[in-house]
Amino acid sequence: MILLSVLGVSLYLAISKYNISLWYILAAGVLLGVIFGKVFCRWVCPMGLIMEIMMSMGGDDSKIKQMYQYHKIGCPIAWISGFLNKYSIFRIKLNEDTCKTCGICDKKCYIVAMEPVKYSLYKPAMTKPGDSYTCSKCLKCVAACPNGSLTYKV
């Protein structure tokens, strides 16, 4: 949260105080999307910071978590980087040999919580949330895995 706060405030100041064009911000968001996927919304965007603060106030089962995706509807960076999740260089990967199929990763993922019939990080027949447009690489799934079967790498 501290890193997000520093990056979000820095971006806001860069835009407002130094008159940095939004085209440069859009280009940076696209570049980040190609490399990392949809990380801009979660880790850099000032509006993302506000949403993170709001989400942390409600607890794990809060209705406020359902609002998380709505602030991205009008953002071109969210559209482009969300599309690039499927093609990004860095990805959330599952080591099937070490996975114990405990499901803890799915319980931490807000995308799986929104559509549990469609997405799963460990079930082979289901769509991987990290490839979804809506995944903003919060990496809570990676952190929650008790035996390190999920990683975020090339």
Protein backbone atom coordinates (compact mmCIF):
# COMPACT_ATOMS: atom_id res chain seq x y z
CA MET A 1 0.00 0.00 0.00
CA ILE A 2 2.91 2.36 0.70
CA LEU A 3 4.48 1.73 -2.71
CA LEU A 4 1.12 2.27 -4.39
CA SER A 5 0.64 5.51 -2.45
CA VAL A 6 4.04 6.86 -3.48
CA LEU A 7 3.56 5.91 -7.15
CA GLY A 8 -0.03 7.19 -7.30
CA VAL A 9 0.77 10.55 -5.70
CA SER A 10 3.90 10.92 -7.88
CA LEU A 11 1.87 10.31 -11.02
CA TYR A 12 -0.77 12.81 -9.92
CA LEU A 13 1.90 15.44 -9.23
CA ALA A 14 3.66 14.75 -12.53
CA ILE A 15 0.44 15.29 -14.43
CA SER A 16 -0.83 18.31 -12.52
CA LYS A 17 2.31 20.19 -11.56
CA TYR A 18 4.61 19.48 -14.48
CA ASN A 19 1.90 19.33 -17.15
CA ILE A 20 2.96 15.92 -18.44
CA SER A 21 0.75 14.95 -21.34
CA LEU A 22 -1.73 12.17 -20.77
CA TRP A 23 -0.45 10.64 -24.03
CA TYR A 24 2.85 9.87 -22.26
CA ILE A 25 0.95 8.27 -19.38
CA LEU A 26 -1.08 6.22 -21.86
CA ALA A 27 2.13 5.12 -23.63
CA ALA A 28 3.68 4.13 -20.29
CA GLY A 29 0.55 2.16 -19.40
CA VAL A 30 0.65 0.32 -22.73
CA LEU A 31 4.35 -0.47 -22.31
CA LEU A 32 3.71 -1.79 -18.80
CA GLY A 33 0.82 -3.84 -20.23
CA VAL A 34 3.04 -5.50 -22.82
CA ILE A 35 5.64 -6.43 -20.23
CA PHE A 36 3.68 -7.09 -17.03
CA GLY A 37 -0.01 -7.18 -18.00
CA LYS A 38 -2.58 -5.00 -16.30
CA VAL A 39 -0.39 -3.70 -13.47
CA PHE A 40 -0.91 0.03 -14.05
CA CYS A 41 -4.40 0.04 -12.52
CA ARG A 42 -3.30 -1.69 -9.35
CA TRP A 43 0.20 -0.33 -8.79
CA VAL A 44 0.47 3.14 -10.37
CA CYS A 45 -2.91 4.75 -11.02
CA PRO A 46 -4.06 7.41 -8.49
CA MET A 47 -7.66 6.20 -8.86
CA GLY A 48 -6.41 2.68 -8.18
CA LEU A 49 -4.95 3.98 -4.91
CA ILE A 50 -8.34 5.37 -3.89
CA MET A 51 -10.01 2.05 -4.74
CA GLU A 52 -7.38 0.10 -2.76
CA ILE A 53 -8.02 2.27 0.29
CA MET A 54 -11.78 1.78 -0.06
CA MET A 55 -11.40 -2.00 -0.46
CA SER A 56 -9.16 -2.31 2.58
CA MET A 57 -11.82 -0.64 4.73
CA GLY A 58 -14.47 -3.29 4.10
CA GLY A 59 -12.82 -6.61 5.01
CA ASP A 60 -12.63 -9.79 2.96
CA ASP A 61 -16.36 -10.36 2.35
CA SER A 62 -17.34 -6.73 1.82
CA LYS A 63 -19.80 -5.58 -0.82
CA ILE A 64 -17.38 -2.77 -1.61
CA LYS A 65 -15.13 -5.29 -3.39
CA GLN A 66 -17.79 -5.66 -6.05
CA MET A 67 -17.14 -2.02 -6.99
CA TYR A 68 -13.49 -2.68 -7.80
CA GLN A 69 -13.89 -3.04 -11.56
CA TYR A 70 -16.28 -0.13 -12.11
CA HIS A 71 -13.72 2.67 -11.87
CA LYS A 72 -11.89 1.16 -14.87
CA ILE A 73 -14.78 1.36 -17.32
CA GLY A 74 -13.81 4.75 -18.75
CA CYS A 75 -10.04 4.32 -18.66
CA PRO A 76 -8.21 3.63 -21.94
CA ILE A 77 -5.15 2.36 -20.08
CA ALA A 78 -7.34 -0.25 -18.34
CA TRP A 79 -8.80 -1.30 -21.70
CA ILE A 80 -5.47 -1.69 -23.44
CA SER A 81 -3.51 -3.27 -20.59
CA GLY A 82 -6.45 -5.57 -19.78
CA PHE A 83 -6.43 -6.78 -23.37
CA LEU A 84 -2.66 -7.32 -23.11
CA ASN A 85 -3.01 -9.64 -20.07
CA LYS A 86 -3.25 -12.59 -22.48
CA TYR A 87 -0.03 -11.61 -24.24
CA SER A 88 2.11 -10.06 -21.52
CA ILE A 89 5.65 -11.30 -20.96
CA PHE A 90 5.26 -11.74 -17.17
CA ARG A 91 2.45 -14.12 -16.21
CA ILE A 92 1.00 -15.89 -13.20
CA LYS A 93 2.13 -19.50 -13.61
CA LEU A 94 1.12 -22.67 -11.82
CA ASN A 95 3.55 -25.50 -11.15
CA GLU A 96 1.15 -28.44 -11.43
CA ASP A 97 3.71 -30.84 -9.92
CA THR A 98 3.78 -29.02 -6.57
CA CYS A 99 0.16 -27.80 -6.47
CA LYS A 100 -1.90 -29.55 -3.78
CA THR A 101 -5.22 -28.26 -5.21
CA CYS A 102 -6.12 -26.76 -1.84
CA GLY A 103 -7.98 -23.83 -3.47
CA ILE A 104 -6.53 -21.12 -1.22
CA CYS A 105 -5.40 -19.15 -4.29
CA ASP A 106 -8.94 -19.13 -5.70
CA LYS A 107 -10.31 -17.87 -2.38
CA LYS A 108 -7.94 -14.87 -2.46
CA CYS A 109 -8.62 -13.96 -6.11
CA TYR A 110 -11.33 -11.31 -6.59
CA ILE A 111 -11.90 -12.46 -10.19
CA VAL A 112 -12.65 -16.04 -9.14
CA ALA A 113 -14.96 -14.63 -6.45
CA MET A 114 -16.90 -12.72 -9.12
CA GLU A 115 -17.26 -15.71 -11.48
CA PRO A 116 -16.35 -18.98 -9.71
CA VAL A 117 -17.92 -21.10 -12.47
CA LYS A 118 -15.64 -19.62 -15.13
CA TYR A 119 -12.26 -18.96 -13.47
CA SER A 120 -9.79 -20.95 -11.40
CA LEU A 121 -6.06 -20.72 -10.87
CA TYR A 122 -5.53 -24.44 -10.38
CA LYS A 123 -8.42 -26.32 -12.07
CA PRO A 124 -7.26 -27.36 -15.54
CA ALA A 125 -10.56 -27.05 -17.41
CA MET A 126 -11.24 -23.47 -16.32
CA THR A 127 -10.02 -20.08 -17.58
CA LYS A 128 -7.01 -18.67 -15.75
CA PRO A 129 -7.87 -15.34 -14.09
CA GLY A 130 -4.42 -13.90 -14.87
CA ASP A 131 -5.30 -13.97 -18.58
CA SER A 132 -8.60 -12.21 -17.99
CA TYR A 133 -9.17 -8.58 -18.90
CA THR A 134 -10.11 -7.79 -15.33
CA CYS A 135 -7.00 -9.18 -13.56
CA SER A 136 -4.84 -6.30 -12.34
CA LYS A 137 -2.06 -8.49 -10.95
CA CYS A 138 -2.65 -7.87 -7.26
CA LEU A 139 -0.71 -11.13 -6.73
CA LYS A 140 -2.72 -12.07 -3.64
CA CYS A 141 -3.08 -15.53 -5.16
CA VAL A 142 0.70 -15.92 -5.43
CA ALA A 143 1.22 -14.72 -1.86
CA ALA A 144 -1.51 -17.02 -0.51
CA CYS A 145 -0.16 -20.24 -2.03
CA PRO A 146 1.19 -22.22 0.94
CA ASN A 147 3.79 -24.16 -1.03
CA GLY A 148 4.85 -21.66 -3.71
CA SER A 149 3.16 -23.36 -6.65
CA LEU A 150 2.07 -20.02 -8.11
CA THR A 151 4.68 -17.59 -9.40
CA TYR A 152 4.71 -14.36 -11.37
CA LYS A 153 7.52 -14.60 -13.91
CA VAL A 154 8.49 -14.81 -17.58
